[in-house]
Amino acid sequence: MRHDSITDDSPYEDIPDDLDLRLDNAMPNPYAKALRKHVTIRLSVDVVRYFKALAEQTGTPYQVLINSYLEDCVAHNRRPATEWA
């Protein structure tokens, strides 16, 4: 059944009314495991607090923000500024 706001001059007029868009029959991405690696990491409370606050501001999950930051470090070959004892 079409939504009332879709008119005949809509760009969606060619979509069949009976098109099944439910995700319960969706196929899993066969490449997903190659793209991500599940890890457990201990972070300081300040780091988690920082990224969670940034997540609130941006509407992006904090884990995605942490991953994006780390990917940027890899892309630019950044090294930690910490002096190891």
C-alpha atoms as a PDB file:
ATOM      1  CA  MET A   1       0.000   0.000   0.000  1.00  0.00           C
ATOM      2  CA  ARG A   2       1.342   3.399  -0.931  1.00  0.00           C
ATOM      3  CA  HIS A   3       1.801   6.167   1.561  1.00  0.00           C
ATOM      4  CA  ASP A   4      -0.662   9.037   1.100  1.00  0.00           C
ATOM      5  CA  SER A   5       2.127  11.561   0.474  1.00  0.00           C
ATOM      6  CA  ILE A   6       3.404   9.673  -2.592  1.00  0.00           C
ATOM      7  CA  THR A   7       1.749  11.048  -5.694  1.00  0.00           C
ATOM      8  CA  ASP A   8       1.773   9.834  -9.277  1.00  0.00           C
ATOM      9  CA  ASP A   9       4.469  12.391 -10.176  1.00  0.00           C
ATOM     10  CA  SER A  10       6.654  11.145  -7.324  1.00  0.00           C
ATOM     11  CA  PRO A  11      10.092   9.673  -8.082  1.00  0.00           C
ATOM     12  CA  TYR A  12       8.818   6.585  -6.226  1.00  0.00           C
ATOM     13  CA  GLU A  13       5.877   5.931  -8.541  1.00  0.00           C
ATOM     14  CA  ASP A  14       7.706   3.049 -10.268  1.00  0.00           C
ATOM     15  CA  ILE A  15       8.165   1.117  -7.017  1.00  0.00           C
ATOM     16  CA  PRO A  16       5.674  -1.752  -6.883  1.00  0.00           C
ATOM     17  CA  ASP A  17       3.067  -1.504  -4.130  1.00  0.00           C
ATOM     18  CA  ASP A  18       3.810  -5.053  -2.994  1.00  0.00           C
ATOM     19  CA  LEU A  19       7.615  -4.645  -2.706  1.00  0.00           C
ATOM     20  CA  ASP A  20       8.768  -6.390   0.475  1.00  0.00           C
ATOM     21  CA  LEU A  21      11.266  -4.165   2.296  1.00  0.00           C
ATOM     22  CA  ARG A  22      11.328  -6.117   5.553  1.00  0.00           C
ATOM     23  CA  LEU A  23      14.772  -6.986   6.843  1.00  0.00           C
ATOM     24  CA  ASP A  24      13.820 -10.348   8.372  1.00  0.00           C
ATOM     25  CA  ASN A  25      14.922 -12.106   5.169  1.00  0.00           C
ATOM     26  CA  ALA A  26      18.029  -9.960   4.648  1.00  0.00           C
ATOM     27  CA  MET A  27      21.267 -11.737   3.816  1.00  0.00           C
ATOM     28  CA  PRO A  28      24.204 -11.021   6.137  1.00  0.00           C
ATOM     29  CA  ASN A  29      27.165  -9.214   4.615  1.00  0.00           C
ATOM     30  CA  PRO A  30      29.697 -11.971   3.800  1.00  0.00           C
ATOM     31  CA  TYR A  31      32.549  -9.454   4.076  1.00  0.00           C
ATOM     32  CA  ALA A  32      31.571  -7.982   7.453  1.00  0.00           C
ATOM     33  CA  LYS A  33      33.968 -10.146   9.471  1.00  0.00           C
ATOM     34  CA  ALA A  34      36.849  -9.121   7.231  1.00  0.00           C
ATOM     35  CA  LEU A  35      36.061  -5.441   7.808  1.00  0.00           C
ATOM     36  CA  ARG A  36      35.911  -5.445  11.608  1.00  0.00           C
ATOM     37  CA  LYS A  37      37.674  -7.291  14.402  1.00  0.00           C
ATOM     38  CA  HIS A  38      35.982  -7.643  17.778  1.00  0.00           C
ATOM     39  CA  VAL A  39      38.375  -6.688  20.589  1.00  0.00           C
ATOM     40  CA  THR A  40      38.178  -5.907  24.281  1.00  0.00           C
ATOM     41  CA  ILE A  41      40.161  -2.885  25.421  1.00  0.00           C
ATOM     42  CA  ARG A  42      40.435  -1.057  28.731  1.00  0.00           C
ATOM     43  CA  LEU A  43      40.207   2.715  28.382  1.00  0.00           C
ATOM     44  CA  SER A  44      40.546   5.386  31.028  1.00  0.00           C
ATOM     45  CA  VAL A  45      37.348   6.873  32.400  1.00  0.00           C
ATOM     46  CA  ASP A  46      38.364  10.271  30.981  1.00  0.00           C
ATOM     47  CA  VAL A  47      38.747   8.852  27.458  1.00  0.00           C
ATOM     48  CA  VAL A  48      35.354   7.151  27.559  1.00  0.00           C
ATOM     49  CA  ARG A  49      33.745  10.274  29.028  1.00  0.00           C
ATOM     50  CA  TYR A  50      35.305  12.435  26.290  1.00  0.00           C
ATOM     51  CA  PHE A  51      34.104  10.235  23.429  1.00  0.00           C
ATOM     52  CA  LYS A  52      30.635   9.765  24.949  1.00  0.00           C
ATOM     53  CA  ALA A  53      30.253  13.558  25.245  1.00  0.00           C
ATOM     54  CA  LEU A  54      31.415  13.936  21.636  1.00  0.00           C
ATOM     55  CA  ALA A  55      28.922  11.228  20.638  1.00  0.00           C
ATOM     56  CA  GLU A  56      26.097  13.220  22.247  1.00  0.00           C
ATOM     57  CA  GLN A  57      27.137  16.343  20.316  1.00  0.00           C
ATOM     58  CA  THR A  58      27.498  14.612  16.967  1.00  0.00           C
ATOM     59  CA  GLY A  59      24.834  11.912  17.171  1.00  0.00           C
ATOM     60  CA  THR A  60      27.458   9.280  16.329  1.00  0.00           C
ATOM     61  CA  PRO A  61      27.997   6.257  18.610  1.00  0.00           C
ATOM     62  CA  TYR A  62      31.100   6.691  20.738  1.00  0.00           C
ATOM     63  CA  GLN A  63      32.587   3.373  19.571  1.00  0.00           C
ATOM     64  CA  VAL A  64      32.382   4.628  15.970  1.00  0.00           C
ATOM     65  CA  LEU A  65      34.127   7.862  16.991  1.00  0.00           C
ATOM     66  CA  ILE A  66      36.935   5.962  18.710  1.00  0.00           C
ATOM     67  CA  ASN A  67      37.346   3.710  15.662  1.00  0.00           C
ATOM     68  CA  SER A  68      37.351   6.715  13.321  1.00  0.00           C
ATOM     69  CA  TYR A  69      40.014   8.427  15.401  1.00  0.00           C
ATOM     70  CA  LEU A  70      42.178   5.306  15.414  1.00  0.00           C
ATOM     71  CA  GLU A  71      41.713   4.863  11.649  1.00  0.00           C
ATOM     72  CA  ASP A  72      42.869   8.466  11.191  1.00  0.00           C
ATOM     73  CA  CYS A  73      45.956   7.704  13.304  1.00  0.00           C
ATOM     74  CA  VAL A  74      46.726   4.707  11.074  1.00  0.00           C
ATOM     75  CA  ALA A  75      46.145   6.684   7.874  1.00  0.00           C
ATOM     76  CA  HIS A  76      48.541   9.422   8.999  1.00  0.00           C
ATOM     77  CA  ASN A  77      51.038   7.121  10.731  1.00  0.00           C
ATOM     78  CA  ARG A  78      50.607   8.955  14.040  1.00  0.00           C
ATOM     79  CA  ARG A  79      52.518   7.700  17.037  1.00  0.00           C
ATOM     80  CA  PRO A  80      51.546   8.212  20.693  1.00  0.00           C
ATOM     81  CA  ALA A  81      53.233  11.165  22.380  1.00  0.00           C
ATOM     82  CA  THR A  82      53.541   9.150  25.586  1.00  0.00           C
ATOM     83  CA  GLU A  83      57.001   8.422  26.928  1.00  0.00           C
ATOM     84  CA  TRP A  84      57.122   4.796  28.038  1.00  0.00           C
ATOM     85  CA  ALA A  85      59.198   4.066  31.124  1.00  0.00           C
END
